[in-house]
Amino acid sequence: QPQLVESGGGLVQPGGSLRLSCAASGFTLDSYGITWFRQAPGKEREGVSCISHSGSMTRYVDSVKGRFTISRDNAKNTAYLQMNSLKPEDTGIYYCATTRRRFVCSYDSGVMDYWGKGTLVTVSS
């Protein structure tokens, strides 16, 4: 059964760093585009970053540009989100999701095929 499992969340002070992982099983991740979403308390879910199936396209929401980096390791069937210079407003549950569409780097939930259950990131002093 295809599934995604996020890990790497936790409590970090402002200015700190975390590296989130998204491990896929039951399917080959390199055939899918990957998107990281997050949802802060009381707010709607938003797309944070995405990478196309080939890795040729990446996107970042304006609020994280220059601080976050998305990547993928096909040999490990895993995607990552490196988060540096974290701010309190980065707090939320982070989800990874995949789309089987090629040549797509998307924040559209409607094209996502699989979702992880999320990992909590809390940025606070």
Protein backbone atom coordinates (compact mmCIF):
# COMPACT_ATOMS: atom_id res chain seq x y z
CA GLN A 1 0.00 0.00 0.00
CA PRO A 2 1.55 3.34 -0.99
CA GLN A 3 2.31 5.64 1.89
CA LEU A 4 4.37 8.66 2.90
CA VAL A 5 5.83 9.21 6.35
CA GLU A 6 7.22 12.57 7.48
CA SER A 7 9.81 12.92 10.21
CA GLY A 8 12.20 15.50 11.62
CA GLY A 9 9.80 17.95 13.21
CA GLY A 10 10.15 19.23 16.74
CA LEU A 11 10.73 22.28 18.89
CA VAL A 12 13.38 24.75 17.77
CA GLN A 13 14.33 28.28 18.76
CA PRO A 14 13.98 31.19 16.33
CA GLY A 15 16.96 31.25 14.01
CA GLY A 16 17.48 27.52 14.28
CA SER A 17 17.27 24.80 11.65
CA LEU A 18 15.40 21.58 11.02
CA ARG A 19 15.53 19.03 8.23
CA LEU A 20 12.26 17.29 7.43
CA SER A 21 12.19 13.94 5.67
CA CYS A 22 9.44 12.34 3.61
CA ALA A 23 9.96 8.60 3.15
CA ALA A 24 7.92 6.81 0.51
CA SER A 25 7.05 3.13 0.45
CA GLY A 26 4.94 1.04 -1.88
CA PHE A 27 5.82 3.16 -4.91
CA THR A 28 8.81 4.75 -6.59
CA LEU A 29 9.11 8.37 -5.59
CA ASP A 30 11.17 9.44 -8.60
CA SER A 31 8.08 9.06 -10.79
CA TYR A 32 6.25 11.76 -8.78
CA GLY A 33 6.42 15.43 -8.13
CA ILE A 34 6.66 16.34 -4.44
CA THR A 35 5.08 19.22 -2.54
CA TRP A 36 5.50 20.29 1.06
CA PHE A 37 2.46 21.92 2.65
CA ARG A 38 2.00 23.39 6.10
CA GLN A 39 -0.93 24.38 8.25
CA ALA A 40 -0.63 26.82 11.12
CA PRO A 41 -3.21 26.89 13.93
CA GLY A 42 -6.33 28.70 12.79
CA LYS A 43 -5.13 29.06 9.20
CA GLU A 44 -5.73 27.20 5.99
CA ARG A 45 -3.18 24.84 4.53
CA GLU A 46 -0.67 26.44 2.19
CA GLY A 47 1.91 25.17 -0.23
CA VAL A 48 5.47 25.83 0.94
CA SER A 49 7.72 24.27 -1.69
CA CYS A 50 7.59 21.78 -4.52
CA ILE A 51 9.87 19.90 -6.87
CA SER A 52 8.97 18.26 -10.17
CA HIS A 53 9.43 14.57 -10.83
CA SER A 54 12.69 15.20 -12.67
CA GLY A 55 13.94 17.78 -10.20
CA SER A 56 14.22 20.35 -12.97
CA MET A 57 11.61 22.69 -11.46
CA THR A 58 11.38 23.98 -7.90
CA ARG A 59 9.18 26.61 -6.27
CA TYR A 60 9.08 28.33 -2.90
CA VAL A 61 6.42 30.45 -1.31
CA ASP A 62 7.72 34.01 -0.88
CA SER A 63 7.83 33.80 2.90
CA VAL A 64 10.45 31.01 2.86
CA LYS A 65 12.59 31.97 -0.12
CA GLY A 66 16.25 32.02 0.77
CA ARG A 67 15.66 30.02 3.95
CA PHE A 68 14.21 26.66 2.83
CA THR A 69 15.58 24.16 0.33
CA ILE A 70 13.69 21.22 -1.15
CA SER A 71 15.54 18.16 -2.43
CA ARG A 72 15.10 14.51 -3.21
CA ASP A 73 17.23 11.38 -2.99
CA ASN A 74 15.92 8.79 -5.42
CA ALA A 75 18.22 6.06 -4.12
CA LYS A 76 16.61 6.40 -0.68
CA ASN A 77 13.11 7.02 -2.03
CA THR A 78 13.00 10.08 0.21
CA ALA A 79 12.40 13.81 -0.12
CA TYR A 80 13.65 16.53 2.21
CA LEU A 81 12.92 20.06 3.28
CA GLN A 82 15.88 21.86 4.83
CA MET A 83 14.61 24.77 6.93
CA ASN A 84 17.07 27.42 8.11
CA SER A 85 16.65 30.71 9.96
CA LEU A 86 13.32 29.55 11.32
CA LYS A 87 10.77 32.08 12.49
CA PRO A 88 7.79 31.69 14.85
CA GLU A 89 5.45 32.12 11.88
CA ASP A 90 6.89 28.91 10.41
CA THR A 91 5.15 26.97 13.17
CA GLY A 92 2.65 24.41 11.95
CA ILE A 93 2.07 20.87 10.82
CA TYR A 94 4.12 20.06 7.72
CA TYR A 95 2.82 17.55 5.20
CA CYS A 96 4.41 16.04 2.14
CA ALA A 97 2.33 15.01 -0.84
CA THR A 98 2.98 13.63 -4.31
CA THR A 99 1.51 13.96 -7.77
CA ARG A 100 1.90 11.47 -10.59
CA ARG A 101 1.69 14.23 -13.17
CA ARG A 102 4.94 14.81 -15.02
CA PHE A 103 6.55 18.19 -15.50
CA VAL A 104 4.52 19.62 -12.64
CA CYS A 105 5.56 21.53 -9.55
CA SER A 106 2.23 22.31 -7.93
CA TYR A 107 0.54 23.70 -4.82
CA ASP A 108 -2.83 22.40 -6.02
CA SER A 109 -4.16 19.86 -3.53
CA GLY A 110 -6.48 18.53 -6.23
CA VAL A 111 -3.63 16.93 -8.18
CA MET A 112 -2.00 15.22 -5.22
CA ASP A 113 -2.23 11.43 -5.11
CA TYR A 114 -0.72 10.55 -1.73
CA TRP A 115 -0.39 12.42 1.55
CA GLY A 116 1.60 11.88 4.69
CA LYS A 117 0.04 12.41 8.11
CA GLY A 118 2.27 15.35 8.96
CA THR A 119 5.01 16.31 11.38
CA LEU A 120 4.74 19.19 13.84
CA VAL A 121 7.23 22.05 13.73
CA THR A 122 7.21 24.52 16.61
CA VAL A 123 9.45 27.60 16.51
CA SER A 124 9.51 29.27 19.90
CA SER A 125 11.88 30.58 22.53
